[in-house]
Amino acid sequence: MFYVYIIYSKTFDIYYKGFSEDVAQRLLYHNENRSRYTSNKGPWD
């Protein structure tokens, strides 16, 4: 099952929405700067 998620960067005051089967793992992926659109804009909550 896929889940829709919204994460927020306090540093840049921006939101990002996405979908994943494993939201916790995907959040780690974003925070490790491995995502093209969210790299260098974190940390993400």
PDB file of N, CA and C in Angstrom:
ATOM      1  N   MET A   1       0.841  -1.172   0.000  1.00  0.00           N
ATOM      2  CA  MET A   1       0.000   0.000   0.000  1.00  0.00           C
ATOM      3  C   MET A   1       0.893   1.245   0.000  1.00  0.00           C
ATOM      4  N   PHE A   2       0.504   2.220  -0.782  1.00  0.00           N
ATOM      5  CA  PHE A   2       1.239   3.485  -0.836  1.00  0.00           C
ATOM      6  C   PHE A   2       0.582   4.518   0.074  1.00  0.00           C
ATOM      7  N   TYR A   3       1.406   5.417   0.600  1.00  0.00           N
ATOM      8  CA  TYR A   3       0.941   6.485   1.472  1.00  0.00           C
ATOM      9  C   TYR A   3       1.406   7.824   0.906  1.00  0.00           C
ATOM     10  N   VAL A   4       0.569   8.824   1.051  1.00  0.00           N
ATOM     11  CA  VAL A   4       0.932  10.190   0.680  1.00  0.00           C
ATOM     12  C   VAL A   4       1.495  10.857   1.922  1.00  0.00           C
ATOM     13  N   TYR A   5       2.573  11.623   1.760  1.00  0.00           N
ATOM     14  CA  TYR A   5       3.166  12.313   2.902  1.00  0.00           C
ATOM     15  C   TYR A   5       3.506  13.748   2.523  1.00  0.00           C
ATOM     16  N   ILE A   6       3.587  14.586   3.532  1.00  0.00           N
ATOM     17  CA  ILE A   6       4.031  15.975   3.377  1.00  0.00           C
ATOM     18  C   ILE A   6       5.118  16.203   4.411  1.00  0.00           C
ATOM     19  N   ILE A   7       6.271  16.685   3.943  1.00  0.00           N
ATOM     20  CA  ILE A   7       7.367  16.995   4.859  1.00  0.00           C
ATOM     21  C   ILE A   7       7.649  18.493   4.796  1.00  0.00           C
ATOM     22  N   TYR A   8       8.254  18.984   5.847  1.00  0.00           N
ATOM     23  CA  TYR A   8       8.458  20.423   5.989  1.00  0.00           C
ATOM     24  C   TYR A   8       9.905  20.721   6.358  1.00  0.00           C
ATOM     25  N   SER A   9      10.460  21.753   5.738  1.00  0.00           N
ATOM     26  CA  SER A   9      11.796  22.237   6.084  1.00  0.00           C
ATOM     27  C   SER A   9      11.660  23.572   6.809  1.00  0.00           C
ATOM     28  N   LYS A  10      12.003  23.583   8.090  1.00  0.00           N
ATOM     29  CA  LYS A  10      11.970  24.837   8.856  1.00  0.00           C
ATOM     30  C   LYS A  10      13.022  25.816   8.344  1.00  0.00           C
ATOM     31  N   THR A  11      14.148  25.289   7.896  1.00  0.00           N
ATOM     32  CA  THR A  11      15.251  26.121   7.423  1.00  0.00           C
ATOM     33  C   THR A  11      14.836  26.983   6.238  1.00  0.00           C
ATOM     34  N   PHE A  12      14.101  26.393   5.302  1.00  0.00           N
ATOM     35  CA  PHE A  12      13.705  27.104   4.081  1.00  0.00           C
ATOM     36  C   PHE A  12      12.222  27.456   4.047  1.00  0.00           C
ATOM     37  N   ASP A  13      11.480  27.042   5.088  1.00  0.00           N
ATOM     38  CA  ASP A  13      10.039  27.300   5.177  1.00  0.00           C
ATOM     39  C   ASP A  13       9.307  26.818   3.925  1.00  0.00           C
ATOM     40  N   ILE A  14       9.593  25.566   3.549  1.00  0.00           N
ATOM     41  CA  ILE A  14       8.928  24.976   2.386  1.00  0.00           C
ATOM     42  C   ILE A  14       8.382  23.592   2.722  1.00  0.00           C
ATOM     43  N   TYR A  15       7.371  23.194   1.967  1.00  0.00           N
ATOM     44  CA  TYR A  15       6.767  21.878   2.088  1.00  0.00           C
ATOM     45  C   TYR A  15       7.071  21.077   0.831  1.00  0.00           C
ATOM     46  N   TYR A  16       7.098  19.755   0.994  1.00  0.00           N
ATOM     47  CA  TYR A  16       7.263  18.856  -0.142  1.00  0.00           C
ATOM     48  C   TYR A  16       6.281  17.716   0.052  1.00  0.00           C
ATOM     49  N   LYS A  17       5.600  17.331  -1.002  1.00  0.00           N
ATOM     50  CA  LYS A  17       4.666  16.206  -0.906  1.00  0.00           C
ATOM     51  C   LYS A  17       5.160  15.075  -1.793  1.00  0.00           C
ATOM     52  N   GLY A  18       4.860  13.867  -1.361  1.00  0.00           N
ATOM     53  CA  GLY A  18       5.279  12.704  -2.117  1.00  0.00           C
ATOM     54  C   GLY A  18       4.468  11.492  -1.712  1.00  0.00           C
ATOM     55  N   PHE A  19       4.864  10.335  -2.223  1.00  0.00           N
ATOM     56  CA  PHE A  19       4.195   9.094  -1.847  1.00  0.00           C
ATOM     57  C   PHE A  19       5.225   7.982  -1.770  1.00  0.00           C
ATOM     58  N   SER A  20       4.956   7.023  -0.911  1.00  0.00           N
ATOM     59  CA  SER A  20       5.897   5.934  -0.692  1.00  0.00           C
ATOM     60  C   SER A  20       5.195   4.779   0.014  1.00  0.00           C
ATOM     61  N   GLU A  21       5.749   3.609  -0.150  1.00  0.00           N
ATOM     62  CA  GLU A  21       5.258   2.462   0.614  1.00  0.00           C
ATOM     63  C   GLU A  21       5.838   2.457   2.026  1.00  0.00           C
ATOM     64  N   ASP A  22       6.993   3.048   2.212  1.00  0.00           N
ATOM     65  CA  ASP A  22       7.655   3.100   3.520  1.00  0.00           C
ATOM     66  C   ASP A  22       8.031   4.556   3.808  1.00  0.00           C
ATOM     67  N   VAL A  23       7.143   5.262   4.471  1.00  0.00           N
ATOM     68  CA  VAL A  23       7.322   6.701   4.699  1.00  0.00           C
ATOM     69  C   VAL A  23       8.532   6.985   5.592  1.00  0.00           C
ATOM     70  N   ALA A  24       8.741   6.187   6.609  1.00  0.00           N
ATOM     71  CA  ALA A  24       9.893   6.413   7.496  1.00  0.00           C
ATOM     72  C   ALA A  24      11.204   6.287   6.728  1.00  0.00           C
ATOM     73  N   GLN A  25      11.317   5.281   5.892  1.00  0.00           N
ATOM     74  CA  GLN A  25      12.532   5.099   5.092  1.00  0.00           C
ATOM     75  C   GLN A  25      12.684   6.234   4.084  1.00  0.00           C
ATOM     76  N   ARG A  26      11.585   6.681   3.526  1.00  0.00           N
ATOM     77  CA  ARG A  26      11.627   7.771   2.551  1.00  0.00           C
ATOM     78  C   ARG A  26      12.081   9.075   3.208  1.00  0.00           C
ATOM     79  N   LEU A  27      11.650   9.329   4.450  1.00  0.00           N
ATOM     80  CA  LEU A  27      12.092  10.524   5.170  1.00  0.00           C
ATOM     81  C   LEU A  27      13.613  10.482   5.374  1.00  0.00           C
ATOM     82  N   LEU A  28      14.139   9.331   5.727  1.00  0.00           N
ATOM     83  CA  LEU A  28      15.597   9.196   5.849  1.00  0.00           C
ATOM     84  C   LEU A  28      16.282   9.491   4.517  1.00  0.00           C
ATOM     85  N   TYR A  29      15.706   9.008   3.446  1.00  0.00           N
ATOM     86  CA  TYR A  29      16.240   9.242   2.105  1.00  0.00           C
ATOM     87  C   TYR A  29      16.315  10.741   1.815  1.00  0.00           C
ATOM     88  N   HIS A  30      15.255  11.467   2.149  1.00  0.00           N
ATOM     89  CA  HIS A  30      15.250  12.922   1.948  1.00  0.00           C
ATOM     90  C   HIS A  30      16.309  13.603   2.826  1.00  0.00           C
ATOM     91  N   ASN A  31      16.422  13.197   4.061  1.00  0.00           N
ATOM     92  CA  ASN A  31      17.373  13.823   4.974  1.00  0.00           C
ATOM     93  C   ASN A  31      18.825  13.459   4.687  1.00  0.00           C
ATOM     94  N   GLU A  32      19.055  12.422   3.911  1.00  0.00           N
ATOM     95  CA  GLU A  32      20.412  12.051   3.504  1.00  0.00           C
ATOM     96  C   GLU A  32      20.791  12.707   2.181  1.00  0.00           C
ATOM     97  N   ASN A  33      19.959  13.656   1.722  1.00  0.00           N
ATOM     98  CA  ASN A  33      20.210  14.397   0.467  1.00  0.00           C
ATOM     99  C   ASN A  33      20.325  13.490  -0.747  1.00  0.00           C
ATOM    100  N   ARG A  34      19.533  12.432  -0.767  1.00  0.00           N
ATOM    101  CA  ARG A  34      19.566  11.492  -1.884  1.00  0.00           C
ATOM    102  C   ARG A  34      18.409  11.717  -2.854  1.00  0.00           C
ATOM    103  N   SER A  35      17.626  12.732  -2.622  1.00  0.00           N
ATOM    104  CA  SER A  35      16.498  13.040  -3.495  1.00  0.00           C
ATOM    105  C   SER A  35      16.804  14.302  -4.293  1.00  0.00           C
ATOM    106  N   ARG A  36      16.584  14.255  -5.564  1.00  0.00           N
ATOM    107  CA  ARG A  36      16.931  15.371  -6.450  1.00  0.00           C
ATOM    108  C   ARG A  36      16.266  16.680  -6.033  1.00  0.00           C
ATOM    109  N   TYR A  37      14.999  16.636  -5.700  1.00  0.00           N
ATOM    110  CA  TYR A  37      14.246  17.864  -5.439  1.00  0.00           C
ATOM    111  C   TYR A  37      14.352  18.362  -4.001  1.00  0.00           C
ATOM    112  N   THR A  38      14.761  17.510  -3.083  1.00  0.00           N
ATOM    113  CA  THR A  38      14.821  17.932  -1.684  1.00  0.00           C
ATOM    114  C   THR A  38      16.239  18.002  -1.126  1.00  0.00           C
ATOM    115  N   SER A  39      17.216  17.649  -1.924  1.00  0.00           N
ATOM    116  CA  SER A  39      18.590  17.687  -1.415  1.00  0.00           C
ATOM    117  C   SER A  39      18.990  19.124  -1.096  1.00  0.00           C
ATOM    118  N   ASN A  40      19.747  19.259  -0.049  1.00  0.00           N
ATOM    119  CA  ASN A  40      20.262  20.558   0.401  1.00  0.00           C
ATOM    120  C   ASN A  40      19.180  21.555   0.807  1.00  0.00           C
ATOM    121  N   LYS A  41      17.992  21.072   1.125  1.00  0.00           N
ATOM    122  CA  LYS A  41      16.928  21.943   1.604  1.00  0.00           C
ATOM    123  C   LYS A  41      16.425  21.524   2.984  1.00  0.00           C
ATOM    124  N   GLY A  42      17.025  20.512   3.570  1.00  0.00           N
ATOM    125  CA  GLY A  42      16.575  19.993   4.848  1.00  0.00           C
ATOM    126  C   GLY A  42      17.215  20.722   6.005  1.00  0.00           C
ATOM    127  N   PRO A  43      17.065  20.214   7.200  1.00  0.00           N
ATOM    128  CA  PRO A  43      16.466  18.929   7.515  1.00  0.00           C
ATOM    129  C   PRO A  43      14.945  18.950   7.363  1.00  0.00           C
ATOM    130  N   TRP A  44      14.419  17.773   7.114  1.00  0.00           N
ATOM    131  CA  TRP A  44      12.981  17.622   6.874  1.00  0.00           C
ATOM    132  C   TRP A  44      12.308  16.982   8.085  1.00  0.00           C
ATOM    133  N   ASP A  45      11.126  17.466   8.407  1.00  0.00           N
ATOM    134  CA  ASP A  45      10.308  16.901   9.493  1.00  0.00           C
ATOM    135  C   ASP A  45       9.026  16.351   8.921  1.00  0.00           C
TER     136      ASP A  45
END
